[in-house]
Every structure is written in structure tokens, then in C-alpha cells.
Amino acid sequence: MPNDPFRTAPQPRPPASRVVSWTQSAALFCFGASILLEVGQSQWHWPLLGRGWPILGLDIAGALLMAASLVLLFAARRRGR
């Protein structure tokens, strides 16, 4: 039977749900580390390399990771239509 639901191919599962979760977790880690470094520099005058460059690097890395997770999420939802 062509309409038999038990013989049809299974629907492809939307990929990247785990990848999106890991990417967003890494982005939040970058943002959190950047905030801790900023507080540490302002309150306790931690000597860090290069006057805020590590903070800027963590912010940029977090923003890129969050953008990548949104692109992956959008692609997974679009593929699922």
C-alpha cells in the first residue's frame, strides 16, 4: 500500500538542536567570563594583558557564537518546514 504509515520513510529529525545548545552555552560562557574580567579589572585592578583586549576578544567571540547559533537554529527550522 502506498499510503501505509508504517512503511513510509521516517521524517528527518531537525539537526543542530544539540549543536545550537552547545553554541549558546559557549557564548554565554564567553559573556560571563568577559563580565568577570571587567569587574575584576575595575574593582581589584587585576593585571591583565593589554588593557581590556581579553574582554573585547571574549565579547566578540560570544557575539559570533550567538550569531552562529541563531543561524543554525534558523536553518534547522527552515529545513523542518
Protein backbone atom coordinates (compact mmCIF):
# COMPACT_ATOMS: atom_id res chain seq x y z
CA MET A 1 0.00 0.00 0.00
CA PRO A 2 1.42 3.37 -0.92
CA ASN A 3 -0.32 5.20 1.98
CA ASP A 4 0.74 2.81 4.72
CA PRO A 5 2.19 4.98 7.53
CA PHE A 6 4.33 2.12 8.85
CA ARG A 7 6.15 1.67 5.55
CA THR A 8 6.94 5.29 4.80
CA ALA A 9 10.41 6.62 5.40
CA PRO A 10 10.84 8.33 8.76
CA GLN A 11 10.81 12.09 8.72
CA PRO A 12 14.28 13.56 9.09
CA ARG A 13 14.86 14.92 12.56
CA PRO A 14 15.74 18.61 12.60
CA PRO A 15 19.51 18.69 13.05
CA ALA A 16 21.57 21.06 15.13
CA SER A 17 19.43 21.12 18.26
CA ARG A 18 22.35 19.84 20.33
CA VAL A 19 24.81 21.96 18.36
CA VAL A 20 22.67 25.07 18.94
CA SER A 21 22.57 24.34 22.66
CA TRP A 22 26.35 23.90 22.92
CA THR A 23 26.98 27.02 20.84
CA GLN A 24 24.70 29.12 23.02
CA SER A 25 26.30 27.71 26.16
CA ALA A 26 29.76 28.62 24.88
CA ALA A 27 28.54 32.13 24.01
CA LEU A 28 27.10 32.62 27.49
CA PHE A 29 30.38 31.39 28.98
CA CYS A 30 32.26 33.99 26.92
CA PHE A 31 29.90 36.77 28.01
CA GLY A 32 30.12 35.70 31.66
CA ALA A 33 33.91 35.50 31.59
CA SER A 34 34.05 38.93 29.99
CA ILE A 35 31.87 40.39 32.74
CA LEU A 36 34.00 38.77 35.44
CA LEU A 37 37.18 40.12 33.87
CA GLU A 38 35.67 43.57 33.62
CA VAL A 39 34.58 43.56 37.26
CA GLY A 40 37.96 42.18 38.29
CA GLN A 41 39.80 44.90 36.44
CA SER A 42 37.64 47.71 37.77
CA GLN A 43 37.31 46.57 41.41
CA TRP A 44 40.52 44.74 42.19
CA HIS A 45 42.82 46.10 39.47
CA TRP A 46 43.78 42.70 38.14
CA PRO A 47 46.83 42.97 35.91
CA LEU A 48 45.76 41.54 32.58
CA LEU A 49 47.45 41.51 29.23
CA GLY A 50 46.71 44.56 27.18
CA ARG A 51 44.20 46.90 28.84
CA GLY A 52 40.87 45.29 28.02
CA TRP A 53 41.77 43.34 24.90
CA PRO A 54 40.86 40.00 26.53
CA ILE A 55 37.46 41.42 27.44
CA LEU A 56 36.88 42.68 23.92
CA GLY A 57 38.00 39.33 22.50
CA LEU A 58 35.58 37.43 24.73
CA ASP A 59 32.74 39.78 23.78
CA ILE A 60 33.44 39.34 20.08
CA ALA A 61 33.73 35.56 20.45
CA GLY A 62 30.45 35.44 22.37
CA ALA A 63 28.67 37.56 19.77
CA LEU A 64 29.96 35.39 16.92
CA LEU A 65 28.95 32.20 18.72
CA MET A 66 25.47 33.56 19.43
CA ALA A 67 25.06 34.65 15.81
CA ALA A 68 26.19 31.20 14.65
CA SER A 69 23.68 29.52 16.94
CA LEU A 70 20.88 31.70 15.59
CA VAL A 71 21.87 30.87 12.02
CA LEU A 72 21.90 27.15 12.87
CA LEU A 73 18.53 27.42 14.58
CA PHE A 74 17.03 29.29 11.63
CA ALA A 75 18.42 26.72 9.17
CA ALA A 76 17.10 23.81 11.24
CA ARG A 77 13.62 25.31 11.47
CA ARG A 78 13.55 26.20 7.81
CA ARG A 79 14.62 22.67 6.88
CA GLY A 80 11.84 21.29 9.09
CA ARG A 81 9.08 23.05 7.13
